[in-house]
Amino acid sequence: MGNRLYVGNLNFRVSDVDLERTFAAYGTVKLAQVVMDRETGRSRGFGFVEMGSDQEAQAAIAGLNGKEIDGRSLTVNEARPPEKRGGGGFGGESRRGGGRRY
Protein backbone atom coordinates (compact mmCIF):
# COMPACT_ATOMS: atom_id res chain seq x y z
CA MET A 1 0.00 0.00 0.00
CA GLY A 2 1.23 3.47 -0.81
CA ASN A 3 0.45 6.77 0.82
CA ARG A 4 -0.60 8.51 -2.43
CA LEU A 5 -4.36 8.56 -2.95
CA TYR A 6 -6.69 9.21 -5.86
CA VAL A 7 -9.77 11.27 -5.00
CA GLY A 8 -12.57 11.21 -7.56
CA ASN A 9 -16.04 12.71 -8.02
CA LEU A 10 -15.04 16.03 -6.45
CA ASN A 11 -17.38 18.98 -6.62
CA PHE A 12 -15.93 21.38 -9.20
CA ARG A 13 -15.71 24.14 -6.56
CA VAL A 14 -13.31 22.12 -4.32
CA SER A 15 -9.84 23.69 -4.08
CA ASP A 16 -6.47 22.29 -3.02
CA VAL A 17 -6.99 23.88 0.42
CA ASP A 18 -10.43 22.27 0.79
CA LEU A 19 -8.96 18.89 -0.12
CA GLU A 20 -6.13 19.31 2.38
CA ARG A 21 -8.54 20.26 5.18
CA THR A 22 -10.75 17.25 4.47
CA PHE A 23 -7.87 14.76 4.60
CA ALA A 24 -6.07 16.43 7.56
CA ALA A 25 -8.59 14.77 9.90
CA TYR A 26 -6.86 11.45 9.06
CA GLY A 27 -3.22 12.49 9.48
CA THR A 28 -0.45 14.57 7.95
CA VAL A 29 -1.17 15.77 4.42
CA LYS A 30 2.05 16.20 2.44
CA LEU A 31 0.31 17.17 -0.81
CA ALA A 32 -3.26 17.92 -1.85
CA GLN A 33 -3.87 18.77 -5.48
CA VAL A 34 -7.04 19.14 -7.52
CA VAL A 35 -6.32 18.40 -11.20
CA MET A 36 -7.20 21.34 -13.42
CA ASP A 37 -7.97 21.46 -17.14
CA ARG A 38 -5.04 23.10 -18.94
CA GLU A 39 -7.19 24.97 -21.43
CA THR A 40 -10.05 26.19 -19.25
CA GLY A 41 -8.36 26.35 -15.85
CA ARG A 42 -11.38 24.60 -14.29
CA SER A 43 -11.34 21.56 -12.06
CA ARG A 44 -11.53 18.16 -13.77
CA GLY A 45 -13.37 16.73 -10.75
CA PHE A 46 -10.54 14.63 -9.32
CA GLY A 47 -7.28 15.05 -7.49
CA PHE A 48 -4.47 13.43 -5.54
CA VAL A 49 -3.52 13.49 -1.88
CA GLU A 50 -0.26 12.28 -0.38
CA MET A 51 -0.55 11.31 3.27
CA GLY A 52 2.32 11.12 5.78
CA SER A 53 2.19 7.33 6.11
CA ASP A 54 0.52 4.22 4.76
CA GLN A 55 -1.55 3.94 7.94
CA GLU A 56 -2.87 7.48 7.52
CA ALA A 57 -3.69 6.76 3.89
CA GLN A 58 -5.64 3.63 4.91
CA ALA A 59 -7.52 5.64 7.55
CA ALA A 60 -8.43 8.29 4.95
CA ILE A 61 -9.70 5.64 2.52
CA ALA A 62 -11.78 4.01 5.26
CA GLY A 63 -13.17 7.34 6.43
CA LEU A 64 -13.78 9.14 3.15
CA ASN A 65 -14.46 6.61 0.38
CA GLY A 66 -18.18 6.89 -0.38
CA LYS A 67 -18.66 9.86 1.95
CA GLU A 68 -20.80 12.66 0.59
CA ILE A 69 -19.06 16.04 0.50
CA ASP A 70 -20.58 19.09 -1.20
CA GLY A 71 -23.35 16.91 -2.64
CA ARG A 72 -20.99 14.36 -4.25
CA SER A 73 -20.06 10.88 -3.06
CA LEU A 74 -16.24 10.69 -3.04
CA THR A 75 -14.17 7.89 -4.53
CA VAL A 76 -10.96 7.50 -2.53
CA ASN A 77 -8.44 4.76 -3.23
CA GLU A 78 -4.75 4.12 -3.70
CA ALA A 79 -3.35 6.04 -6.66
CA ARG A 80 -1.84 3.91 -9.39
CA PRO A 81 1.06 5.00 -11.59
CA PRO A 82 0.00 6.20 -15.05
CA GLU A 83 -0.11 3.50 -17.70
CA LYS A 84 2.48 3.62 -20.43
CA ARG A 85 1.01 4.38 -23.80
CA GLY A 86 1.98 2.29 -26.80
CA GLY A 87 4.37 3.79 -29.30
CA GLY A 88 3.67 4.58 -32.91
CA GLY A 89 5.48 1.53 -34.23
CA PHE A 90 8.82 3.18 -35.00
CA GLY A 91 12.13 2.08 -33.54
CA GLY A 92 11.35 -1.60 -33.15
CA GLU A 93 11.97 -4.58 -35.35
CA SER A 94 9.86 -4.81 -38.45
CA ARG A 95 6.89 -7.12 -38.16
CA ARG A 96 7.25 -8.10 -41.80
CA GLY A 97 9.75 -10.66 -43.01
CA GLY A 98 10.36 -12.23 -39.59
CA GLY A 99 13.09 -9.76 -38.72
CA ARG A 100 15.25 -10.60 -41.76
CA ARG A 101 17.43 -7.83 -43.05
CA TYR A 102 17.93 -7.29 -46.76
C-alpha atoms as a PDB file:
ATOM      1  CA  MET A   1       0.000   0.000   0.000  1.00  0.00           C
ATOM      2  CA  GLY A   2       1.227   3.465  -0.812  1.00  0.00           C
ATOM      3  CA  ASN A   3       0.452   6.770   0.816  1.00  0.00           C
ATOM      4  CA  ARG A   4      -0.596   8.509  -2.426  1.00  0.00           C
ATOM      5  CA  LEU A   5      -4.361   8.563  -2.948  1.00  0.00           C
ATOM      6  CA  TYR A   6      -6.688   9.211  -5.864  1.00  0.00           C
ATOM      7  CA  VAL A   7      -9.771  11.270  -4.999  1.00  0.00           C
ATOM      8  CA  GLY A   8     -12.567  11.208  -7.560  1.00  0.00           C
ATOM      9  CA  ASN A   9     -16.035  12.715  -8.016  1.00  0.00           C
ATOM     10  CA  LEU A  10     -15.038  16.030  -6.454  1.00  0.00           C
ATOM     11  CA  ASN A  11     -17.381  18.977  -6.623  1.00  0.00           C
ATOM     12  CA  PHE A  12     -15.933  21.382  -9.204  1.00  0.00           C
ATOM     13  CA  ARG A  13     -15.709  24.138  -6.560  1.00  0.00           C
ATOM     14  CA  VAL A  14     -13.312  22.121  -4.324  1.00  0.00           C
ATOM     15  CA  SER A  15      -9.838  23.687  -4.079  1.00  0.00           C
ATOM     16  CA  ASP A  16      -6.467  22.288  -3.020  1.00  0.00           C
ATOM     17  CA  VAL A  17      -6.985  23.877   0.415  1.00  0.00           C
ATOM     18  CA  ASP A  18     -10.428  22.269   0.789  1.00  0.00           C
ATOM     19  CA  LEU A  19      -8.957  18.886  -0.120  1.00  0.00           C
ATOM     20  CA  GLU A  20      -6.129  19.314   2.382  1.00  0.00           C
ATOM     21  CA  ARG A  21      -8.539  20.262   5.176  1.00  0.00           C
ATOM     22  CA  THR A  22     -10.749  17.251   4.468  1.00  0.00           C
ATOM     23  CA  PHE A  23      -7.871  14.763   4.604  1.00  0.00           C
ATOM     24  CA  ALA A  24      -6.072  16.425   7.558  1.00  0.00           C
ATOM     25  CA  ALA A  25      -8.586  14.769   9.901  1.00  0.00           C
ATOM     26  CA  TYR A  26      -6.857  11.453   9.063  1.00  0.00           C
ATOM     27  CA  GLY A  27      -3.220  12.492   9.481  1.00  0.00           C
ATOM     28  CA  THR A  28      -0.447  14.565   7.946  1.00  0.00           C
ATOM     29  CA  VAL A  29      -1.172  15.766   4.422  1.00  0.00           C
ATOM     30  CA  LYS A  30       2.052  16.202   2.443  1.00  0.00           C
ATOM     31  CA  LEU A  31       0.314  17.173  -0.807  1.00  0.00           C
ATOM     32  CA  ALA A  32      -3.258  17.918  -1.847  1.00  0.00           C
ATOM     33  CA  GLN A  33      -3.867  18.772  -5.485  1.00  0.00           C
ATOM     34  CA  VAL A  34      -7.042  19.139  -7.524  1.00  0.00           C
ATOM     35  CA  VAL A  35      -6.315  18.400 -11.196  1.00  0.00           C
ATOM     36  CA  MET A  36      -7.198  21.345 -13.418  1.00  0.00           C
ATOM     37  CA  ASP A  37      -7.965  21.463 -17.136  1.00  0.00           C
ATOM     38  CA  ARG A  38      -5.038  23.101 -18.943  1.00  0.00           C
ATOM     39  CA  GLU A  39      -7.190  24.966 -21.430  1.00  0.00           C
ATOM     40  CA  THR A  40     -10.054  26.194 -19.247  1.00  0.00           C
ATOM     41  CA  GLY A  41      -8.355  26.353 -15.848  1.00  0.00           C
ATOM     42  CA  ARG A  42     -11.377  24.602 -14.291  1.00  0.00           C
ATOM     43  CA  SER A  43     -11.340  21.555 -12.057  1.00  0.00           C
ATOM     44  CA  ARG A  44     -11.530  18.162 -13.768  1.00  0.00           C
ATOM     45  CA  GLY A  45     -13.366  16.733 -10.754  1.00  0.00           C
ATOM     46  CA  PHE A  46     -10.539  14.628  -9.322  1.00  0.00           C
ATOM     47  CA  GLY A  47      -7.279  15.050  -7.493  1.00  0.00           C
ATOM     48  CA  PHE A  48      -4.471  13.432  -5.539  1.00  0.00           C
ATOM     49  CA  VAL A  49      -3.518  13.485  -1.884  1.00  0.00           C
ATOM     50  CA  GLU A  50      -0.262  12.281  -0.378  1.00  0.00           C
ATOM     51  CA  MET A  51      -0.549  11.307   3.267  1.00  0.00           C
ATOM     52  CA  GLY A  52       2.322  11.119   5.781  1.00  0.00           C
ATOM     53  CA  SER A  53       2.188   7.332   6.110  1.00  0.00           C
ATOM     54  CA  ASP A  54       0.518   4.218   4.756  1.00  0.00           C
ATOM     55  CA  GLN A  55      -1.550   3.938   7.941  1.00  0.00           C
ATOM     56  CA  GLU A  56      -2.867   7.480   7.519  1.00  0.00           C
ATOM     57  CA  ALA A  57      -3.695   6.759   3.885  1.00  0.00           C
ATOM     58  CA  GLN A  58      -5.642   3.632   4.911  1.00  0.00           C
ATOM     59  CA  ALA A  59      -7.520   5.637   7.545  1.00  0.00           C
ATOM     60  CA  ALA A  60      -8.430   8.292   4.948  1.00  0.00           C
ATOM     61  CA  ILE A  61      -9.699   5.643   2.518  1.00  0.00           C
ATOM     62  CA  ALA A  62     -11.783   4.007   5.258  1.00  0.00           C
ATOM     63  CA  GLY A  63     -13.166   7.339   6.435  1.00  0.00           C
ATOM     64  CA  LEU A  64     -13.782   9.142   3.149  1.00  0.00           C
ATOM     65  CA  ASN A  65     -14.464   6.609   0.382  1.00  0.00           C
ATOM     66  CA  GLY A  66     -18.183   6.887  -0.384  1.00  0.00           C
ATOM     67  CA  LYS A  67     -18.660   9.857   1.953  1.00  0.00           C
ATOM     68  CA  GLU A  68     -20.804  12.658   0.588  1.00  0.00           C
ATOM     69  CA  ILE A  69     -19.061  16.038   0.500  1.00  0.00           C
ATOM     70  CA  ASP A  70     -20.580  19.091  -1.198  1.00  0.00           C
ATOM     71  CA  GLY A  71     -23.347  16.910  -2.644  1.00  0.00           C
ATOM     72  CA  ARG A  72     -20.985  14.356  -4.245  1.00  0.00           C
ATOM     73  CA  SER A  73     -20.058  10.882  -3.064  1.00  0.00           C
ATOM     74  CA  LEU A  74     -16.243  10.689  -3.044  1.00  0.00           C
ATOM     75  CA  THR A  75     -14.170   7.894  -4.532  1.00  0.00           C
ATOM     76  CA  VAL A  76     -10.962   7.498  -2.528  1.00  0.00           C
ATOM     77  CA  ASN A  77      -8.439   4.755  -3.232  1.00  0.00           C
ATOM     78  CA  GLU A  78      -4.746   4.118  -3.696  1.00  0.00           C
ATOM     79  CA  ALA A  79      -3.349   6.043  -6.657  1.00  0.00           C
ATOM     80  CA  ARG A  80      -1.835   3.905  -9.392  1.00  0.00           C
ATOM     81  CA  PRO A  81       1.055   4.996 -11.589  1.00  0.00           C
ATOM     82  CA  PRO A  82      -0.003   6.200 -15.047  1.00  0.00           C
ATOM     83  CA  GLU A  83      -0.112   3.495 -17.696  1.00  0.00           C
ATOM     84  CA  LYS A  84       2.479   3.622 -20.429  1.00  0.00           C
ATOM     85  CA  ARG A  85       1.007   4.383 -23.797  1.00  0.00           C
ATOM     86  CA  GLY A  86       1.975   2.293 -26.802  1.00  0.00           C
ATOM     87  CA  GLY A  87       4.372   3.785 -29.304  1.00  0.00           C
ATOM     88  CA  GLY A  88       3.671   4.583 -32.914  1.00  0.00           C
ATOM     89  CA  GLY A  89       5.477   1.525 -34.227  1.00  0.00           C
ATOM     90  CA  PHE A  90       8.823   3.181 -34.998  1.00  0.00           C
ATOM     91  CA  GLY A  91      12.126   2.084 -33.545  1.00  0.00           C
ATOM     92  CA  GLY A  92      11.349  -1.601 -33.148  1.00  0.00           C
ATOM     93  CA  GLU A  93      11.969  -4.580 -35.348  1.00  0.00           C
ATOM     94  CA  SER A  94       9.861  -4.809 -38.453  1.00  0.00           C
ATOM     95  CA  ARG A  95       6.887  -7.120 -38.161  1.00  0.00           C
ATOM     96  CA  ARG A  96       7.248  -8.103 -41.796  1.00  0.00           C
ATOM     97  CA  GLY A  97       9.753 -10.662 -43.006  1.00  0.00           C
ATOM     98  CA  GLY A  98      10.355 -12.233 -39.586  1.00  0.00           C
ATOM     99  CA  GLY A  99      13.088  -9.763 -38.723  1.00  0.00           C
ATOM    100  CA  ARG A 100      15.246 -10.603 -41.764  1.00  0.00           C
ATOM    101  CA  ARG A 101      17.432  -7.833 -43.053  1.00  0.00           C
ATOM    102  CA  TYR A 102      17.932  -7.286 -46.756  1.00  0.00           C
END
